[in-house]
Amino acid sequence: CWIGPNVVLDGSGGLSIGDWVDISAGAQIYSHDTVARALSGGKEPIAHARTTIGSRVYIGPQAIIAKGVTIGDEVTIGALSFVDRDVPSGSKVLGRQAGPA
């Protein structure tokens, strides 16, 4: 694997990264978020969920992978992409790949 400069790898909720993965400069991969805690004034806990990156994956510069996402094998994530849902093997993700709010 290759990990570029200024990359954030958050393993607090569990993080798995396969073989031959390139993570470009400034990419952020999370396994937690504090949305519910912030909106509840601290009454709700920090949310954690395992994030999994398959093998032979390219993650472009400044891409963001949200908590709980599973990315399959042989996936390309474009620069500046936001990914908050699972990505099947062999896919290309460009831009915002998000589920309903």
PDB file of N, CA and C in Angstrom:
ATOM      1  N   CYS A   1       0.839  -1.191   0.000  1.00  0.00           N
ATOM      2  CA  CYS A   1       0.000   0.000   0.000  1.00  0.00           C
ATOM      3  C   CYS A   1       0.875   1.242   0.000  1.00  0.00           C
ATOM      4  N   TRP A   2       0.326   2.315  -0.512  1.00  0.00           N
ATOM      5  CA  TRP A   2       0.991   3.614  -0.476  1.00  0.00           C
ATOM      6  C   TRP A   2       0.014   4.612   0.130  1.00  0.00           C
ATOM      7  N   ILE A   3       0.499   5.388   1.093  1.00  0.00           N
ATOM      8  CA  ILE A   3      -0.321   6.396   1.751  1.00  0.00           C
ATOM      9  C   ILE A   3       0.373   7.731   1.592  1.00  0.00           C
ATOM     10  N   GLY A   4      -0.303   8.670   0.937  1.00  0.00           N
ATOM     11  CA  GLY A   4       0.263   9.981   0.648  1.00  0.00           C
ATOM     12  C   GLY A   4       0.289  10.885   1.868  1.00  0.00           C
ATOM     13  N   PRO A   5       0.834  12.087   1.668  1.00  0.00           N
ATOM     14  CA  PRO A   5       0.924  13.040   2.773  1.00  0.00           C
ATOM     15  C   PRO A   5      -0.444  13.587   3.182  1.00  0.00           C
ATOM     16  N   ASN A   6      -0.547  13.938   4.454  1.00  0.00           N
ATOM     17  CA  ASN A   6      -1.742  14.580   5.012  1.00  0.00           C
ATOM     18  C   ASN A   6      -3.003  13.732   4.910  1.00  0.00           C
ATOM     19  N   VAL A   7      -2.848  12.427   4.963  1.00  0.00           N
ATOM     20  CA  VAL A   7      -3.983  11.500   4.938  1.00  0.00           C
ATOM     21  C   VAL A   7      -4.471  11.286   6.367  1.00  0.00           C
ATOM     22  N   VAL A   8      -5.804  11.225   6.536  1.00  0.00           N
ATOM     23  CA  VAL A   8      -6.409  10.900   7.828  1.00  0.00           C
ATOM     24  C   VAL A   8      -6.939   9.472   7.755  1.00  0.00           C
ATOM     25  N   LEU A   9      -6.436   8.615   8.625  1.00  0.00           N
ATOM     26  CA  LEU A   9      -6.934   7.243   8.753  1.00  0.00           C
ATOM     27  C   LEU A   9      -7.476   7.089  10.168  1.00  0.00           C
ATOM     28  N   ASP A  10      -8.799   7.078  10.305  1.00  0.00           N
ATOM     29  CA  ASP A  10      -9.448   6.978  11.607  1.00  0.00           C
ATOM     30  C   ASP A  10      -9.841   5.528  11.845  1.00  0.00           C
ATOM     31  N   GLY A  11      -9.175   4.878  12.764  1.00  0.00           N
ATOM     32  CA  GLY A  11      -9.479   3.490  13.067  1.00  0.00           C
ATOM     33  C   GLY A  11     -10.278   3.297  14.340  1.00  0.00           C
ATOM     34  N   SER A  12     -10.861   4.366  14.883  1.00  0.00           N
ATOM     35  CA  SER A  12     -11.539   4.278  16.182  1.00  0.00           C
ATOM     36  C   SER A  12     -12.739   3.342  16.171  1.00  0.00           C
ATOM     37  N   GLY A  13     -13.364   3.137  15.004  1.00  0.00           N
ATOM     38  CA  GLY A  13     -14.501   2.228  14.897  1.00  0.00           C
ATOM     39  C   GLY A  13     -14.167   0.951  14.153  1.00  0.00           C
ATOM     40  N   GLY A  14     -12.902   0.792  13.794  1.00  0.00           N
ATOM     41  CA  GLY A  14     -12.450  -0.368  13.028  1.00  0.00           C
ATOM     42  C   GLY A  14     -12.184   0.028  11.588  1.00  0.00           C
ATOM     43  N   LEU A  15     -10.990  -0.277  11.110  1.00  0.00           N
ATOM     44  CA  LEU A  15     -10.594   0.079   9.744  1.00  0.00           C
ATOM     45  C   LEU A  15      -9.769  -1.054   9.169  1.00  0.00           C
ATOM     46  N   SER A  16     -10.160  -1.505   7.975  1.00  0.00           N
ATOM     47  CA  SER A  16      -9.446  -2.557   7.275  1.00  0.00           C
ATOM     48  C   SER A  16      -9.087  -2.050   5.886  1.00  0.00           C
ATOM     49  N   ILE A  17      -7.817  -2.207   5.515  1.00  0.00           N
ATOM     50  CA  ILE A  17      -7.336  -1.780   4.202  1.00  0.00           C
ATOM     51  C   ILE A  17      -6.652  -2.971   3.556  1.00  0.00           C
ATOM     52  N   GLY A  18      -7.088  -3.321   2.332  1.00  0.00           N
ATOM     53  CA  GLY A  18      -6.553  -4.472   1.616  1.00  0.00           C
ATOM     54  C   GLY A  18      -5.160  -4.224   1.056  1.00  0.00           C
ATOM     55  N   ASP A  19      -4.767  -5.083   0.116  1.00  0.00           N
ATOM     56  CA  ASP A  19      -3.456  -5.011  -0.526  1.00  0.00           C
ATOM     57  C   ASP A  19      -3.499  -4.122  -1.764  1.00  0.00           C
ATOM     58  N   TRP A  20      -2.357  -3.527  -2.075  1.00  0.00           N
ATOM     59  CA  TRP A  20      -2.192  -2.712  -3.277  1.00  0.00           C
ATOM     60  C   TRP A  20      -3.188  -1.556  -3.330  1.00  0.00           C
ATOM     61  N   VAL A  21      -3.340  -0.886  -2.199  1.00  0.00           N
ATOM     62  CA  VAL A  21      -4.222   0.279  -2.093  1.00  0.00           C
ATOM     63  C   VAL A  21      -3.359   1.529  -2.095  1.00  0.00           C
ATOM     64  N   ASP A  22      -3.691   2.486  -2.945  1.00  0.00           N
ATOM     65  CA  ASP A  22      -3.030   3.791  -2.959  1.00  0.00           C
ATOM     66  C   ASP A  22      -4.012   4.832  -2.447  1.00  0.00           C
ATOM     67  N   ILE A  23      -3.611   5.555  -1.406  1.00  0.00           N
ATOM     68  CA  ILE A  23      -4.440   6.594  -0.805  1.00  0.00           C
ATOM     69  C   ILE A  23      -3.715   7.915  -1.024  1.00  0.00           C
ATOM     70  N   SER A  24      -4.260   8.746  -1.889  1.00  0.00           N
ATOM     71  CA  SER A  24      -3.587   9.972  -2.306  1.00  0.00           C
ATOM     72  C   SER A  24      -3.634  11.064  -1.244  1.00  0.00           C
ATOM     73  N   ALA A  25      -2.823  12.084  -1.478  1.00  0.00           N
ATOM     74  CA  ALA A  25      -2.647  13.193  -0.537  1.00  0.00           C
ATOM     75  C   ALA A  25      -3.976  13.795  -0.094  1.00  0.00           C
ATOM     76  N   GLY A  26      -4.085  14.000   1.211  1.00  0.00           N
ATOM     77  CA  GLY A  26      -5.235  14.691   1.774  1.00  0.00           C
ATOM     78  C   GLY A  26      -6.505  13.877   1.886  1.00  0.00           C
ATOM     79  N   ALA A  27      -6.496  12.604   1.484  1.00  0.00           N
ATOM     80  CA  ALA A  27      -7.695  11.773   1.613  1.00  0.00           C
ATOM     81  C   ALA A  27      -8.005  11.556   3.098  1.00  0.00           C
ATOM     82  N   GLN A  28      -9.295  11.353   3.389  1.00  0.00           N
ATOM     83  CA  GLN A  28      -9.738  11.139   4.769  1.00  0.00           C
ATOM     84  C   GLN A  28     -10.648   9.924   4.809  1.00  0.00           C
ATOM     85  N   ILE A  29     -10.307   8.975   5.664  1.00  0.00           N
ATOM     86  CA  ILE A  29     -11.101   7.756   5.812  1.00  0.00           C
ATOM     87  C   ILE A  29     -11.507   7.657   7.280  1.00  0.00           C
ATOM     88  N   TYR A  30     -12.820   7.657   7.517  1.00  0.00           N
ATOM     89  CA  TYR A  30     -13.348   7.710   8.876  1.00  0.00           C
ATOM     90  C   TYR A  30     -14.059   6.422   9.259  1.00  0.00           C
ATOM     91  N   SER A  31     -14.056   6.125  10.566  1.00  0.00           N
ATOM     92  CA  SER A  31     -14.855   5.035  11.114  1.00  0.00           C
ATOM     93  C   SER A  31     -15.678   5.530  12.309  1.00  0.00           C
ATOM     94  N   HIS A  32     -15.858   6.845  12.404  1.00  0.00           N
ATOM     95  CA  HIS A  32     -16.723   7.436  13.423  1.00  0.00           C
ATOM     96  C   HIS A  32     -17.252   8.772  12.902  1.00  0.00           C
ATOM     97  N   ASP A  33     -18.307   9.259  13.541  1.00  0.00           N
ATOM     98  CA  ASP A  33     -18.724  10.648  13.354  1.00  0.00           C
ATOM     99  C   ASP A  33     -19.379  11.146  14.637  1.00  0.00           C
ATOM    100  N   THR A  34     -19.476  12.451  14.755  1.00  0.00           N
ATOM    101  CA  THR A  34     -20.015  13.061  15.978  1.00  0.00           C
ATOM    102  C   THR A  34     -21.290  13.857  15.704  1.00  0.00           C
ATOM    103  N   VAL A  35     -21.962  13.556  14.614  1.00  0.00           N
ATOM    104  CA  VAL A  35     -23.147  14.320  14.223  1.00  0.00           C
ATOM    105  C   VAL A  35     -24.226  14.237  15.305  1.00  0.00           C
ATOM    106  N   ALA A  36     -24.619  13.038  15.694  1.00  0.00           N
ATOM    107  CA  ALA A  36     -25.693  12.879  16.689  1.00  0.00           C
ATOM    108  C   ALA A  36     -25.292  13.485  18.032  1.00  0.00           C
ATOM    109  N   ARG A  37     -24.033  13.328  18.406  1.00  0.00           N
ATOM    110  CA  ARG A  37     -23.563  13.906  19.671  1.00  0.00           C
ATOM    111  C   ARG A  37     -23.678  15.426  19.645  1.00  0.00           C
ATOM    112  N   ALA A  38     -23.256  16.032  18.541  1.00  0.00           N
ATOM    113  CA  ALA A  38     -23.312  17.495  18.429  1.00  0.00           C
ATOM    114  C   ALA A  38     -24.749  17.997  18.426  1.00  0.00           C
ATOM    115  N   LEU A  39     -25.617  17.359  17.641  1.00  0.00           N
ATOM    116  CA  LEU A  39     -27.008  17.815  17.519  1.00  0.00           C
ATOM    117  C   LEU A  39     -27.815  17.590  18.793  1.00  0.00           C
ATOM    118  N   SER A  40     -27.390  16.631  19.612  1.00  0.00           N
ATOM    119  CA  SER A  40     -28.110  16.350  20.859  1.00  0.00           C
ATOM    120  C   SER A  40     -27.511  17.090  22.054  1.00  0.00           C
ATOM    121  N   GLY A  41     -26.534  17.925  21.823  1.00  0.00           N
ATOM    122  CA  GLY A  41     -25.891  18.621  22.928  1.00  0.00           C
ATOM    123  C   GLY A  41     -25.124  17.687  23.841  1.00  0.00           C
ATOM    124  N   GLY A  42     -24.589  16.630  23.279  1.00  0.00           N
ATOM    125  CA  GLY A  42     -23.784  15.681  24.048  1.00  0.00           C
ATOM    126  C   GLY A  42     -24.555  14.537  24.666  1.00  0.00           C
ATOM    127  N   LYS A  43     -25.866  14.472  24.450  1.00  0.00           N
ATOM    128  CA  LYS A  43     -26.669  13.390  25.029  1.00  0.00           C
ATOM    129  C   LYS A  43     -26.478  12.068  24.295  1.00  0.00           C
ATOM    130  N   GLU A  44     -26.244  12.142  22.989  1.00  0.00           N
ATOM    131  CA  GLU A  44     -26.009  10.938  22.186  1.00  0.00           C
ATOM    132  C   GLU A  44     -24.510  10.658  22.131  1.00  0.00           C
ATOM    133  N   PRO A  45     -24.148   9.390  21.999  1.00  0.00           N
ATOM    134  CA  PRO A  45     -22.724   9.054  21.941  1.00  0.00           C
ATOM    135  C   PRO A  45     -22.136   9.292  20.538  1.00  0.00           C
ATOM    136  N   ILE A  46     -20.831   9.228  20.471  1.00  0.00           N
ATOM    137  CA  ILE A  46     -20.138   9.234  19.179  1.00  0.00           C
ATOM    138  C   ILE A  46     -20.511   7.951  18.450  1.00  0.00           C
ATOM    139  N   ALA A  47     -20.844   8.050  17.170  1.00  0.00           N
ATOM    140  CA  ALA A  47     -21.224   6.884  16.365  1.00  0.00           C
ATOM    141  C   ALA A  47     -19.981   6.260  15.737  1.00  0.00           C
ATOM    142  N   HIS A  48     -19.859   4.939  15.857  1.00  0.00           N
ATOM    143  CA  HIS A  48     -18.734   4.207  15.282  1.00  0.00           C
ATOM    144  C   HIS A  48     -19.256   3.110  14.360  1.00  0.00           C
ATOM    145  N   ALA A  49     -18.557   2.857  13.268  1.00  0.00           N
ATOM    146  CA  ALA A  49     -18.876   1.746  12.374  1.00  0.00           C
ATOM    147  C   ALA A  49     -17.624   1.384  11.584  1.00  0.00           C
ATOM    148  N   ARG A  50     -17.379   0.119  11.422  1.00  0.00           N
ATOM    149  CA  ARG A  50     -16.194  -0.369  10.710  1.00  0.00           C
ATOM    150  C   ARG A  50     -16.223   0.077   9.252  1.00  0.00           C
ATOM    151  N   THR A  51     -15.086   0.555   8.776  1.00  0.00           N
ATOM    152  CA  THR A  51     -14.906   0.945   7.383  1.00  0.00           C
ATOM    153  C   THR A  51     -13.922  -0.029   6.751  1.00  0.00           C
ATOM    154  N   THR A  52     -14.271  -0.528   5.560  1.00  0.00           N
ATOM    155  CA  THR A  52     -13.457  -1.548   4.910  1.00  0.00           C
ATOM    156  C   THR A  52     -13.111  -1.120   3.490  1.00  0.00           C
ATOM    157  N   ILE A  53     -11.822  -1.153   3.182  1.00  0.00           N
ATOM    158  CA  ILE A  53     -11.321  -0.856   1.843  1.00  0.00           C
ATOM    159  C   ILE A  53     -10.763  -2.163   1.289  1.00  0.00           C
ATOM    160  N   GLY A  54     -11.235  -2.585   0.127  1.00  0.00           N
ATOM    161  CA  GLY A  54     -10.771  -3.829  -0.482  1.00  0.00           C
ATOM    162  C   GLY A  54      -9.350  -3.718  -1.012  1.00  0.00           C
ATOM    163  N   SER A  55      -8.971  -4.636  -1.875  1.00  0.00           N
ATOM    164  CA  SER A  55      -7.642  -4.652  -2.488  1.00  0.00           C
ATOM    165  C   SER A  55      -7.678  -4.022  -3.870  1.00  0.00           C
ATOM    166  N   ARG A  56      -6.509  -3.515  -4.293  1.00  0.00           N
ATOM    167  CA  ARG A  56      -6.352  -2.895  -5.609  1.00  0.00           C
ATOM    168  C   ARG A  56      -7.326  -1.719  -5.775  1.00  0.00           C
ATOM    169  N   VAL A  57      -7.272  -0.816  -4.787  1.00  0.00           N
ATOM    170  CA  VAL A  57      -8.153   0.361  -4.755  1.00  0.00           C
ATOM    171  C   VAL A  57      -7.294   1.613  -4.866  1.00  0.00           C
ATOM    172  N   TYR A  58      -7.748   2.555  -5.669  1.00  0.00           N
ATOM    173  CA  TYR A  58      -7.114   3.868  -5.763  1.00  0.00           C
ATOM    174  C   TYR A  58      -8.072   4.897  -5.179  1.00  0.00           C
ATOM    175  N   ILE A  59      -7.603   5.662  -4.194  1.00  0.00           N
ATOM    176  CA  ILE A  59      -8.398   6.730  -3.597  1.00  0.00           C
ATOM    177  C   ILE A  59      -7.712   8.044  -3.941  1.00  0.00           C
ATOM    178  N   GLY A  60      -8.389   8.891  -4.711  1.00  0.00           N
ATOM    179  CA  GLY A  60      -7.820  10.130  -5.217  1.00  0.00           C
ATOM    180  C   GLY A  60      -7.608  11.187  -4.152  1.00  0.00           C
ATOM    181  N   PRO A  61      -6.880  12.245  -4.518  1.00  0.00           N
ATOM    182  CA  PRO A  61      -6.575  13.317  -3.581  1.00  0.00           C
ATOM    183  C   PRO A  61      -7.828  13.944  -2.971  1.00  0.00           C
ATOM    184  N   GLN A  62      -7.777  14.150  -1.669  1.00  0.00           N
ATOM    185  CA  GLN A  62      -8.808  14.820  -0.893  1.00  0.00           C
ATOM    186  C   GLN A  62     -10.177  14.156  -0.947  1.00  0.00           C
ATOM    187  N   ALA A  63     -10.218  12.871  -1.307  1.00  0.00           N
ATOM    188  CA  ALA A  63     -11.474  12.118  -1.226  1.00  0.00           C
ATOM    189  C   ALA A  63     -11.792  11.868   0.245  1.00  0.00           C
ATOM    190  N   ILE A  64     -13.088  11.765   0.554  1.00  0.00           N
ATOM    191  CA  ILE A  64     -13.537  11.494   1.915  1.00  0.00           C
ATOM    192  C   ILE A  64     -14.397  10.237   1.895  1.00  0.00           C
ATOM    193  N   ILE A  65     -14.043   9.285   2.760  1.00  0.00           N
ATOM    194  CA  ILE A  65     -14.809   8.053   2.920  1.00  0.00           C
ATOM    195  C   ILE A  65     -15.435   8.106   4.309  1.00  0.00           C
ATOM    196  N   ALA A  66     -16.762   8.060   4.371  1.00  0.00           N
ATOM    197  CA  ALA A  66     -17.472   8.159   5.642  1.00  0.00           C
ATOM    198  C   ALA A  66     -17.448   6.834   6.394  1.00  0.00           C
ATOM    199  N   LYS A  67     -17.778   6.911   7.675  1.00  0.00           N
ATOM    200  CA  LYS A  67     -17.790   5.725   8.536  1.00  0.00           C
ATOM    201  C   LYS A  67     -18.752   4.664   8.010  1.00  0.00           C
ATOM    202  N   GLY A  68     -18.375   3.407   8.218  1.00  0.00           N
ATOM    203  CA  GLY A  68     -19.261   2.292   7.907  1.00  0.00           C
ATOM    204  C   GLY A  68     -19.317   1.884   6.456  1.00  0.00           C
ATOM    205  N   VAL A  69     -18.543   2.528   5.599  1.00  0.00           N
ATOM    206  CA  VAL A  69     -18.560   2.223   4.166  1.00  0.00           C
ATOM    207  C   VAL A  69     -17.688   1.012   3.880  1.00  0.00           C
ATOM    208  N   THR A  70     -18.147   0.159   2.966  1.00  0.00           N
ATOM    209  CA  THR A  70     -17.340  -0.932   2.443  1.00  0.00           C
ATOM    210  C   THR A  70     -17.063  -0.664   0.976  1.00  0.00           C
ATOM    211  N   ILE A  71     -15.787  -0.625   0.624  1.00  0.00           N
ATOM    212  CA  ILE A  71     -15.366  -0.435  -0.754  1.00  0.00           C
ATOM    213  C   ILE A  71     -14.794  -1.758  -1.234  1.00  0.00           C
ATOM    214  N   GLY A  72     -15.318  -2.263  -2.339  1.00  0.00           N
ATOM    215  CA  GLY A  72     -14.891  -3.551  -2.873  1.00  0.00           C
ATOM    216  C   GLY A  72     -13.503  -3.493  -3.494  1.00  0.00           C
ATOM    217  N   ASP A  73     -13.117  -4.556  -4.177  1.00  0.00           N
ATOM    218  CA  ASP A  73     -11.829  -4.656  -4.846  1.00  0.00           C
ATOM    219  C   ASP A  73     -11.860  -3.940  -6.202  1.00  0.00           C
ATOM    220  N   GLU A  74     -10.678  -3.519  -6.644  1.00  0.00           N
ATOM    221  CA  GLU A  74     -10.505  -2.901  -7.963  1.00  0.00           C
ATOM    222  C   GLU A  74     -11.438  -1.711  -8.170  1.00  0.00           C
ATOM    223  N   VAL A  75     -11.440  -0.803  -7.210  1.00  0.00           N
ATOM    224  CA  VAL A  75     -12.296   0.385  -7.242  1.00  0.00           C
ATOM    225  C   VAL A  75     -11.417   1.617  -7.401  1.00  0.00           C
ATOM    226  N   THR A  76     -11.904   2.579  -8.186  1.00  0.00           N
ATOM    227  CA  THR A  76     -11.267   3.887  -8.321  1.00  0.00           C
ATOM    228  C   THR A  76     -12.182   4.930  -7.711  1.00  0.00           C
ATOM    229  N   ILE A  77     -11.643   5.699  -6.760  1.00  0.00           N
ATOM    230  CA  ILE A  77     -12.364   6.811  -6.151  1.00  0.00           C
ATOM    231  C   ILE A  77     -11.688   8.086  -6.656  1.00  0.00           C
ATOM    232  N   GLY A  78     -12.415   8.929  -7.360  1.00  0.00           N
ATOM    233  CA  GLY A  78     -11.848  10.142  -7.938  1.00  0.00           C
ATOM    234  C   GLY A  78     -11.521  11.203  -6.907  1.00  0.00           C
ATOM    235  N   ALA A  79     -10.693  12.148  -7.319  1.00  0.00           N
ATOM    236  CA  ALA A  79     -10.307  13.262  -6.458  1.00  0.00           C
ATOM    237  C   ALA A  79     -11.538  14.024  -5.974  1.00  0.00           C
ATOM    238  N   LEU A  80     -11.485  14.479  -4.747  1.00  0.00           N
ATOM    239  CA  LEU A  80     -12.525  15.302  -4.122  1.00  0.00           C
ATOM    240  C   LEU A  80     -13.877  14.597  -3.999  1.00  0.00           C
ATOM    241  N   SER A  81     -13.919  13.283  -4.141  1.00  0.00           N
ATOM    242  CA  SER A  81     -15.180  12.550  -4.019  1.00  0.00           C
ATOM    243  C   SER A  81     -15.568  12.399  -2.552  1.00  0.00           C
ATOM    244  N   PHE A  82     -16.881  12.372  -2.304  1.00  0.00           N
ATOM    245  CA  PHE A  82     -17.423  12.087  -0.975  1.00  0.00           C
ATOM    246  C   PHE A  82     -18.207  10.793  -1.075  1.00  0.00           C
ATOM    247  N   VAL A  83     -17.821   9.786  -0.301  1.00  0.00           N
ATOM    248  CA  VAL A  83     -18.431   8.463  -0.383  1.00  0.00           C
ATOM    249  C   VAL A  83     -19.029   8.109   0.979  1.00  0.00           C
ATOM    250  N   ASP A  84     -20.364   7.981   1.036  1.00  0.00           N
ATOM    251  CA  ASP A  84     -20.989   7.572   2.295  1.00  0.00           C
ATOM    252  C   ASP A  84     -21.942   6.391   2.112  1.00  0.00           C
ATOM    253  N   ARG A  85     -21.710   5.626   1.058  1.00  0.00           N
ATOM    254  CA  ARG A  85     -22.427   4.359   0.883  1.00  0.00           C
ATOM    255  C   ARG A  85     -21.464   3.352   0.272  1.00  0.00           C
ATOM    256  N   ASP A  86     -21.807   2.090   0.353  1.00  0.00           N
ATOM    257  CA  ASP A  86     -20.930   1.030  -0.140  1.00  0.00           C
ATOM    258  C   ASP A  86     -20.684   1.164  -1.638  1.00  0.00           C
ATOM    259  N   VAL A  87     -19.497   0.724  -2.053  1.00  0.00           N
ATOM    260  CA  VAL A  87     -19.094   0.772  -3.462  1.00  0.00           C
ATOM    261  C   VAL A  87     -18.748  -0.660  -3.888  1.00  0.00           C
ATOM    262  N   PRO A  88     -19.460  -1.205  -4.885  1.00  0.00           N
ATOM    263  CA  PRO A  88     -19.182  -2.576  -5.299  1.00  0.00           C
ATOM    264  C   PRO A  88     -17.846  -2.702  -6.041  1.00  0.00           C
ATOM    265  N   SER A  89     -17.284  -3.889  -6.011  1.00  0.00           N
ATOM    266  CA  SER A  89     -16.040  -4.164  -6.714  1.00  0.00           C
ATOM    267  C   SER A  89     -16.134  -3.769  -8.177  1.00  0.00           C
ATOM    268  N   GLY A  90     -15.025  -3.278  -8.719  1.00  0.00           N
ATOM    269  CA  GLY A  90     -14.951  -2.919 -10.128  1.00  0.00           C
ATOM    270  C   GLY A  90     -15.567  -1.581 -10.484  1.00  0.00           C
ATOM    271  N   SER A  91     -15.976  -0.803  -9.503  1.00  0.00           N
ATOM    272  CA  SER A  91     -16.668   0.465  -9.757  1.00  0.00           C
ATOM    273  C   SER A  91     -15.706   1.640  -9.821  1.00  0.00           C
ATOM    274  N   LYS A  92     -16.192   2.733 -10.423  1.00  0.00           N
ATOM    275  CA  LYS A  92     -15.520   4.022 -10.386  1.00  0.00           C
ATOM    276  C   LYS A  92     -16.464   5.008  -9.723  1.00  0.00           C
ATOM    277  N   VAL A  93     -15.949   5.752  -8.764  1.00  0.00           N
ATOM    278  CA  VAL A  93     -16.734   6.743  -8.038  1.00  0.00           C
ATOM    279  C   VAL A  93     -16.132   8.104  -8.325  1.00  0.00           C
ATOM    280  N   LEU A  94     -16.957   8.992  -8.846  1.00  0.00           N
ATOM    281  CA  LEU A  94     -16.501  10.336  -9.184  1.00  0.00           C
ATOM    282  C   LEU A  94     -17.489  11.335  -8.619  1.00  0.00           C
ATOM    283  N   GLY A  95     -17.025  12.250  -7.788  1.00  0.00           N
ATOM    284  CA  GLY A  95     -17.909  13.264  -7.208  1.00  0.00           C
ATOM    285  C   GLY A  95     -18.552  12.793  -5.932  1.00  0.00           C
ATOM    286  N   ARG A  96     -19.809  13.127  -5.761  1.00  0.00           N
ATOM    287  CA  ARG A  96     -20.529  12.791  -4.532  1.00  0.00           C
ATOM    288  C   ARG A  96     -21.320  11.511  -4.746  1.00  0.00           C
ATOM    289  N   GLN A  97     -20.977  10.488  -4.002  1.00  0.00           N
ATOM    290  CA  GLN A  97     -21.682   9.206  -4.053  1.00  0.00           C
ATOM    291  C   GLN A  97     -22.317   9.000  -2.688  1.00  0.00           C
ATOM    292  N   ALA A  98     -23.465   9.588  -2.500  1.00  0.00           N
ATOM    293  CA  ALA A  98     -24.078   9.563  -1.181  1.00  0.00           C
ATOM    294  C   ALA A  98     -25.494   9.022  -1.262  1.00  0.00           C
ATOM    295  N   GLY A  99     -25.916   8.405  -0.176  1.00  0.00           N
ATOM    296  CA  GLY A  99     -27.280   7.948  -0.071  1.00  0.00           C
ATOM    297  C   GLY A  99     -28.193   9.106   0.318  1.00  0.00           C
ATOM    298  N   PRO A 100     -29.487   8.843   0.466  1.00  0.00           N
ATOM    299  CA  PRO A 100     -30.420   9.905   0.849  1.00  0.00           C
ATOM    300  C   PRO A 100     -30.083  10.480   2.216  1.00  0.00           C
ATOM    301  N   ALA A 101     -30.343  11.751   2.374  1.00  0.00           N
ATOM    302  CA  ALA A 101     -30.058  12.411   3.656  1.00  0.00           C
ATOM    303  C   ALA A 101     -31.120  12.059   4.672  1.00  0.00           C
TER     304      ALA A 101
END
